[in-house]
Every structure is written in C-alpha cells, then in structure tokens.
Protein backbone atom coordinates (compact mmCIF):
# COMPACT_ATOMS: atom_id res chain seq x y z
CA MET A 1 66.99 -198.35 7.94
CA SER A 2 66.66 -196.45 11.25
CA ASP A 3 69.24 -196.60 14.03
CA PRO A 4 68.40 -199.13 16.78
CA ASP A 5 69.08 -196.62 19.57
CA PRO A 6 69.17 -193.09 18.16
CA LEU A 7 70.07 -190.22 20.45
CA VAL A 8 67.13 -187.90 21.06
CA SER A 9 67.70 -184.37 22.33
CA VAL A 10 64.91 -183.11 24.59
CA VAL A 11 64.89 -179.31 24.79
CA ILE A 12 62.97 -177.73 27.67
CA LEU A 13 62.54 -173.96 27.70
CA CYS A 14 62.00 -172.56 31.20
CA TRP A 15 61.10 -169.27 32.80
CA ASN A 16 60.29 -168.92 36.51
CA SER A 17 59.00 -172.47 36.59
CA GLU A 18 60.24 -173.74 39.95
CA ASN A 19 56.73 -175.01 40.80
CA LYS A 20 56.29 -177.14 37.70
CA VAL A 21 59.55 -177.93 35.88
CA ASP A 22 60.31 -180.88 38.19
CA LYS A 23 57.17 -182.64 36.92
CA THR A 24 58.21 -182.04 33.32
CA LEU A 25 61.79 -183.16 33.88
CA ASN A 26 60.89 -186.27 35.88
CA SER A 27 58.45 -187.36 33.17
CA VAL A 28 61.20 -186.93 30.56
CA LEU A 29 63.68 -188.95 32.62
CA SER A 30 61.07 -191.73 32.90
CA ILE A 31 60.91 -192.17 29.11
CA ASP A 32 61.54 -195.78 28.11
CA ASN A 33 64.20 -197.33 25.88
CA ILE A 34 65.71 -194.15 24.40
CA ASP A 35 69.19 -192.65 24.60
CA LEU A 36 68.49 -189.17 25.95
CA GLU A 37 70.19 -185.80 25.91
CA VAL A 38 68.38 -183.17 27.99
CA ILE A 39 68.97 -179.48 27.23
CA ILE A 40 67.57 -176.91 29.64
CA VAL A 41 67.32 -173.32 28.41
CA ASP A 42 66.47 -170.96 31.27
CA ASN A 43 65.26 -167.57 30.07
CA ASN A 44 66.76 -165.62 32.98
CA SER A 45 64.50 -166.97 35.73
CA SER A 46 64.51 -165.10 39.03
CA ASP A 47 63.54 -168.18 41.04
CA ARG A 48 65.14 -171.61 41.67
CA THR A 49 64.35 -173.10 38.26
CA THR A 50 67.97 -173.71 37.26
CA ASP A 51 68.93 -175.15 40.65
CA ILE A 52 65.99 -177.58 40.60
CA CYS A 53 66.90 -178.78 37.10
CA LYS A 54 70.52 -179.27 38.12
CA GLN A 55 69.57 -181.24 41.25
CA ILE A 56 67.37 -183.61 39.25
CA LEU A 57 69.73 -184.06 36.29
CA THR A 58 72.85 -184.70 38.35
CA LYS A 59 71.09 -187.72 39.89
CA SER A 60 70.26 -189.14 36.45
CA ASP A 61 72.52 -191.04 34.08
CA CYS A 62 71.60 -189.08 30.94
CA ARG A 63 73.79 -186.45 29.34
CA TYR A 64 72.57 -182.92 29.89
CA ASN A 65 73.31 -179.28 29.23
CA ILE A 66 71.92 -176.36 31.24
CA VAL A 67 72.06 -172.86 29.77
CA LYS A 68 70.90 -169.81 31.72
CA ASN A 69 70.45 -166.72 29.58
CA LYS A 70 71.40 -163.34 31.00
CA THR A 71 68.19 -161.88 29.59
CA ASN A 72 64.83 -163.30 28.57
CA ILE A 73 65.39 -163.74 24.84
CA GLY A 74 61.82 -164.87 24.17
CA TYR A 75 60.06 -168.13 23.36
CA SER A 76 61.20 -168.63 19.77
CA ALA A 77 64.81 -167.63 20.36
CA GLY A 78 64.98 -169.74 23.51
CA LYS A 79 63.72 -172.86 21.75
CA ASN A 80 66.06 -172.16 18.82
CA LEU A 81 69.03 -171.92 21.16
CA GLY A 82 68.24 -175.33 22.59
CA GLY A 83 67.66 -176.78 19.13
CA ASN A 84 70.99 -175.46 17.89
CA LEU A 85 72.79 -177.02 20.85
CA ALA A 86 71.16 -180.40 20.27
CA THR A 87 73.45 -183.22 19.14
CA GLY A 88 70.81 -185.93 18.77
CA LYS A 89 69.42 -187.35 15.54
CA TYR A 90 65.97 -186.21 16.68
CA ILE A 91 64.67 -183.30 18.74
CA LEU A 92 61.69 -183.05 21.09
CA LEU A 93 60.97 -179.46 22.13
CA LEU A 94 58.89 -179.11 25.29
CA ASP A 95 57.41 -176.28 27.29
CA ASP A 96 58.23 -176.30 30.99
CA ASP A 97 54.69 -177.30 31.97
CA VAL A 98 54.32 -180.52 29.96
CA ILE A 99 54.13 -184.09 31.26
CA VAL A 100 54.82 -186.86 28.72
CA ASP A 101 54.06 -190.58 28.58
CA GLY A 102 56.91 -193.03 29.06
CA ASP A 103 56.57 -194.37 25.52
CA VAL A 104 56.39 -190.96 23.84
CA LEU A 105 59.77 -191.04 22.10
CA THR A 106 59.52 -194.68 21.06
CA LYS A 107 56.23 -193.88 19.32
CA LEU A 108 57.44 -190.60 17.81
CA VAL A 109 60.68 -192.02 16.43
CA HIS A 110 58.93 -195.12 15.04
CA ASN A 111 56.22 -193.15 13.25
CA TYR A 112 58.59 -190.49 11.99
CA ASN A 113 60.58 -193.16 10.16
CA LYS A 114 57.46 -195.04 9.02
CA GLU A 115 56.21 -192.07 6.96
CA PRO A 116 58.74 -190.67 4.42
CA LYS A 117 56.89 -187.34 4.30
CA SER A 118 57.06 -186.79 8.06
CA GLY A 119 57.81 -183.17 8.86
CA LEU A 120 56.68 -182.20 12.37
CA LEU A 121 55.10 -184.62 14.86
CA THR A 122 53.53 -184.26 18.28
CA PRO A 123 52.02 -186.71 20.74
CA LYS A 124 48.31 -186.29 21.47
CA THR A 125 48.61 -183.20 23.69
CA TYR A 126 45.83 -182.34 26.14
CA ASP A 127 45.73 -178.76 27.39
CA ARG A 128 44.24 -178.51 30.89
CA GLU A 129 43.75 -174.75 30.65
CA THR A 130 41.46 -174.90 27.61
CA ASN A 131 40.22 -178.49 28.06
CA GLN A 132 41.18 -179.20 24.43
CA TYR A 133 43.68 -181.28 22.51
CA LEU A 134 46.28 -179.07 20.82
CA GLY A 135 46.83 -179.27 17.08
CA GLY A 136 44.52 -179.60 14.15
CA CYS A 137 43.87 -177.79 10.90
CA PHE A 138 43.75 -174.34 9.37
CA THR A 139 40.42 -172.84 8.42
CA LYS A 140 39.75 -171.04 5.15
CA PHE A 141 40.04 -167.80 7.11
CA GLY A 142 43.64 -168.55 8.01
CA THR A 143 42.91 -169.29 11.66
CA THR A 144 43.34 -172.64 13.39
CA THR A 145 40.98 -175.12 14.97
CA ASN A 146 42.00 -177.94 17.31
CA TYR A 147 40.93 -181.50 16.59
CA SER A 148 38.28 -182.98 18.85
CA LYS A 149 38.87 -185.95 21.14
CA ASN A 150 36.75 -188.10 18.82
CA LYS A 151 38.89 -187.12 15.84
CA LEU A 152 42.04 -188.27 17.62
CA GLU A 153 40.59 -191.47 19.08
CA THR A 154 40.64 -193.31 15.79
CA SER A 155 42.23 -196.53 14.59
CA CYS A 156 44.78 -194.43 12.72
CA GLU A 157 47.95 -193.94 14.74
CA MET A 158 49.22 -191.06 12.58
CA VAL A 159 46.57 -188.33 12.30
CA GLU A 160 47.55 -185.71 9.76
CA ALA A 161 47.41 -182.31 11.45
CA PRO A 162 48.59 -179.39 9.32
CA PHE A 163 48.84 -177.29 12.49
CA VAL A 164 50.84 -178.82 15.38
CA THR A 165 51.59 -177.31 18.76
CA GLY A 166 55.04 -176.01 19.66
CA ALA A 167 54.57 -177.22 23.25
CA THR A 168 55.48 -180.82 22.30
CA LEU A 169 57.16 -180.54 18.91
CA PHE A 170 59.20 -183.45 17.52
CA THR A 171 61.25 -183.70 14.33
CA SER A 172 64.65 -184.78 13.08
CA LYS A 173 67.63 -182.56 13.76
CA LYS A 174 68.24 -182.43 10.02
CA PHE A 175 64.75 -181.10 9.22
CA TRP A 176 64.87 -178.67 12.16
CA ASP A 177 68.08 -177.20 10.74
CA GLU A 178 66.54 -177.03 7.24
CA LEU A 179 63.59 -175.09 8.61
CA GLY A 180 65.86 -172.78 10.58
CA GLY A 181 63.82 -173.31 13.74
CA PHE A 182 61.13 -170.91 14.86
CA ASP A 183 60.87 -167.41 13.41
CA GLU A 184 62.41 -165.19 16.09
CA PHE A 185 60.84 -162.07 14.60
CA ALA A 186 57.60 -163.21 16.23
CA LYS A 187 58.30 -163.09 19.95
CA PHE A 188 55.09 -164.79 21.10
CA ASN A 189 52.00 -166.49 19.64
CA LEU A 190 51.63 -168.54 16.47
CA ASP A 191 55.30 -169.39 16.00
CA ASP A 192 54.04 -172.98 15.69
CA PHE A 193 51.48 -171.75 13.12
CA ASP A 194 54.38 -170.40 11.06
CA ILE A 195 56.69 -173.41 11.32
CA SER A 196 53.78 -175.76 10.54
CA ILE A 197 53.15 -173.94 7.27
CA ARG A 198 56.86 -173.92 6.42
CA SER A 199 56.94 -177.69 6.91
CA TYR A 200 54.24 -178.10 4.26
CA SER A 201 55.91 -175.61 1.95
CA ARG A 202 58.89 -178.02 1.87
CA GLY A 203 56.69 -180.89 0.77
CA GLN A 204 56.38 -182.57 4.18
CA LYS A 205 53.35 -183.33 6.35
CA ASN A 206 52.65 -182.91 10.05
CA TYR A 207 51.07 -185.54 12.28
CA ILE A 208 49.64 -186.08 15.76
CA ILE A 209 50.52 -189.54 17.10
CA SER A 210 47.27 -190.67 18.72
CA THR A 211 48.69 -193.63 20.68
CA THR A 212 50.86 -191.62 23.06
CA GLU A 213 49.92 -188.61 25.14
CA ALA A 214 51.27 -185.49 26.78
CA ILE A 215 49.53 -183.16 29.22
CA HIS A 216 50.05 -179.42 28.93
CA ILE A 217 49.37 -178.00 32.37
CA GLY A 218 48.93 -174.51 30.98
CA ASP A 219 50.13 -172.50 33.96
CA MET A 220 51.15 -169.32 32.15
CA SER A 221 54.19 -167.60 33.67
CA GLU A 222 53.35 -164.30 32.02
CA ASN A 223 50.36 -162.25 33.14
CA LEU A 224 47.77 -161.01 30.68
CA ALA A 225 49.16 -157.49 30.43
CA ARG A 226 52.61 -158.81 29.51
CA ARG A 227 51.18 -161.22 26.94
CA TYR A 228 49.17 -158.48 25.25
CA ARG A 229 52.38 -156.48 24.73
CA SER A 230 53.28 -158.68 21.76
CA TYR A 231 49.98 -160.47 21.08
CA TYR A 232 48.66 -158.45 18.12
CA TYR A 233 52.05 -157.74 16.60
CA SER A 234 53.21 -161.37 16.57
CA ARG A 235 50.00 -162.83 15.21
CA GLN A 236 49.52 -160.20 12.54
CA TYR A 237 53.14 -160.62 11.46
CA ILE A 238 52.64 -164.35 10.95
CA PHE A 239 49.44 -163.68 9.00
CA CYS A 240 51.20 -161.13 6.76
CA LYS A 241 54.08 -163.46 6.14
CA ASN A 242 52.10 -166.56 5.20
CA LEU A 243 48.54 -165.86 4.06
CA PRO A 244 47.39 -165.24 0.47
CA THR A 245 46.39 -161.64 -0.22
CA LEU A 246 42.59 -161.95 -0.17
CA ARG A 247 42.58 -164.21 2.87
CA LEU A 248 45.06 -161.92 4.60
CA PHE A 249 42.71 -158.94 4.18
CA LYS A 250 39.73 -160.85 5.61
CA VAL A 251 41.69 -162.25 8.53
CA SER A 252 43.33 -158.90 9.33
CA VAL A 253 40.02 -157.05 9.61
CA LEU A 254 38.43 -159.73 11.77
CA PHE A 255 41.50 -160.12 13.94
CA PHE A 256 41.86 -156.37 14.52
CA LEU A 257 38.25 -156.05 15.68
CA SER A 258 38.19 -159.22 17.77
CA SER A 259 41.56 -158.59 19.45
CA LEU A 260 40.54 -155.04 20.35
CA TYR A 261 37.30 -156.33 21.83
CA PHE A 262 39.05 -159.03 23.89
CA SER A 263 41.71 -156.62 25.17
CA MET A 264 38.98 -154.23 26.35
CA ARG A 265 37.01 -157.08 27.91
CA ASP A 266 40.04 -158.50 29.73
CA SER A 267 41.12 -155.05 30.85
CA VAL A 268 37.75 -154.50 32.50
CA SER A 269 37.38 -158.01 33.95
CA GLU A 270 40.92 -158.04 35.36
CA GLY A 271 40.80 -154.41 36.46
CA ASP A 272 44.11 -153.80 34.70
CA ILE A 273 44.27 -150.89 32.25
CA TRP A 274 47.74 -152.04 31.15
CA ILE A 275 46.14 -154.89 29.23
CA LEU A 276 44.47 -152.41 26.86
CA ILE A 277 47.50 -150.09 26.81
CA ASN A 278 49.88 -152.93 25.93
CA HIS A 279 47.54 -154.13 23.22
CA ILE A 280 47.52 -150.65 21.64
CA VAL A 281 51.32 -150.57 21.90
CA SER A 282 51.43 -153.92 20.12
CA ILE A 283 49.26 -152.55 17.28
CA LEU A 284 51.48 -149.47 16.94
CA SER A 285 54.59 -151.69 16.94
CA PHE A 286 53.15 -153.69 14.05
CA ILE A 287 52.38 -150.52 12.08
CA HIS A 288 55.87 -149.17 12.73
CA LYS A 289 57.52 -152.37 11.51
CA LEU A 290 55.13 -152.95 8.60
CA PRO A 291 57.66 -151.97 5.87
CA HIS A 292 60.10 -154.59 7.18
CA ILE A 293 57.33 -157.17 7.50
CA LEU A 294 56.23 -156.59 3.91
CA GLU A 295 59.81 -157.15 2.77
CA LYS A 296 59.72 -160.58 4.40
CA ARG A 297 56.36 -161.44 2.87
CA LYS A 298 56.61 -164.09 0.18
CA ALA A 299 54.42 -164.50 -2.89
CA THR A 300 51.98 -166.71 -1.01
CA ASP A 301 48.84 -166.70 -3.14
CA HIS A 302 49.67 -170.28 -4.15
CA ILE A 303 49.21 -171.42 -0.55
CA SER A 304 45.45 -171.66 -1.12
CA GLU A 305 46.25 -174.77 -3.15
CA PHE A 306 47.76 -176.49 -0.10
CA PRO A 307 45.57 -179.02 1.72
CA ILE A 308 46.23 -177.13 4.94
CA PHE A 309 43.67 -174.51 4.00
CA GLN A 310 40.98 -176.82 2.63
C-alpha cells in the first residue's frame, strides 16, 4: 500500500540559466497535493542562476537545498549529485528548461505504484526545439526513435517506452540507488539511453504517462562547438557498452560517417571551424580510451532478446 503523502525530491540541474530557471522552478512549486523537496544543483554558473533560485525558494514553504559546484562537473555527475542528496521516497529529475503540469507528480506516483514492473517514468514531454515528444523505442540498429503524438494520444495512460528522456525522469529513490544513477563516464548525450537499457536489464519497464505533460523549452546553454567536444565520444561509449557485437559494428560505422558529415555541415553553416576540430578531438578521445571502454563492456549479445530492440 502506497503512502498517502510521500515526499518527492525534485532535482533541477542548472547552468547559466538565469533566463529560464524561474519558469521551471515556479512550475514545480505549483505542483498539486505533493510534499516537495527541491534540490538545485548549479554547475558553476557565471550568471545569477543561484540567486534567482534562492529568491524564489525562500518565499515558498517547501524544503529545499541549493548546491553550487566550484566547477562544471557535467550533466550526469550533476544529476547524480542531486539524486544522492535526495531524501524523498521518489525522485523527479528535471533539466533547467522544463515546465511541468500541476498534476505531474500525482500522476507519476499513482502510475508508478499501479505497475509492479515500473522502472523509469516520464510525463508526456514535448520538445519545442525539435517539435517532437521525447521518448520512444530503440530501433534494430541500436538508435532511438521518438513516439509520435498519435502514439501518445491513446486511451492507455501508461505507454511503454523502452527509451525515456532524462529531461523529466521519475523513479523511486530505491530504484535510482540500485541503478547507481547516470553513467558519469559519458559526459554528454545518451546517458538516458544507457540508464533506460539498465532499467530493462533489471527486469523493469519504462513508461510515458500520457495524461500529464511537460514542455522542454530546449534552449541549449552550450554552443555547438562545445557540444561536439564530447558528442562522438559519449555516444560511441554508450553504444560499445550496451549493444550486441553485430549491431555495435553496424551502428559504429553508420554513426562515424554520419557524425563526421554533420560536424562538417555545421562547421560550414555556422562558420565555426572549432565544431569540426572538437568533433575530431572527440573521436581521438574515444580511441585513446577504447581499452578502458572495452573493459567496461558487458557480454551483451543477449540484449537482442529484449523487447527494447524489437
């Protein structure tokens, strides 16, 4: 039997988000009928992000914790820090550019307890930047595809989604600790890909709750050149760690060619040679760390039997 008023820890990872974090935080504080703990992890912002969060939270009646890191420790490590500090029975991890519905936690907690195999849940999350809903399934090539609006607008409240977004990730504190949070070895990109697979490997399932919504504004703090610095390395690491051998080979070849093409295209269109340079650096970083990555690789050929790749 679930607790009538369980404490939910909402973790918000911020970096130079003074122009958007107030919208995220105010939407969280407007959530209905839930005992809240808000944890702000500021990844060494150089603007007023921390001050804005403090001004808003001190006027609220919820418990809160604000941590400002002395350096930018990265996305995965930042979310993990907030998750480790959480004292609630459940955790909702948000990016700093997400606006949630008032009933989001009521719906997430209810559905999490309704399904014994619940692993990771998200609300229906619309991404303004790509004009898509985030979360969906894995293809046979090891990549991901987001569910369409029609897929999510069904009579089924819990839509199984093997791949769920890290921008609005919900689970129990117990399961979060069992998973060990995000993999910090991957600094950026597809950390949610990895944790989604690890949820299934523990016999659980992931779901999108179609009756409550979040909006991901998608205002990227990092410019393209900075993102490309870890883009190839992080994605290829996750592929190497999780994909069966034959699928890994196919995906690696396609990803190498496509990522090189896109880095050249973006470098030309943006007039920024550092995009291409940083992408090459990312490739070389992956090659340099390949022996360590192969040590972490599990015997994953059995993954092809999982429904997530069907």
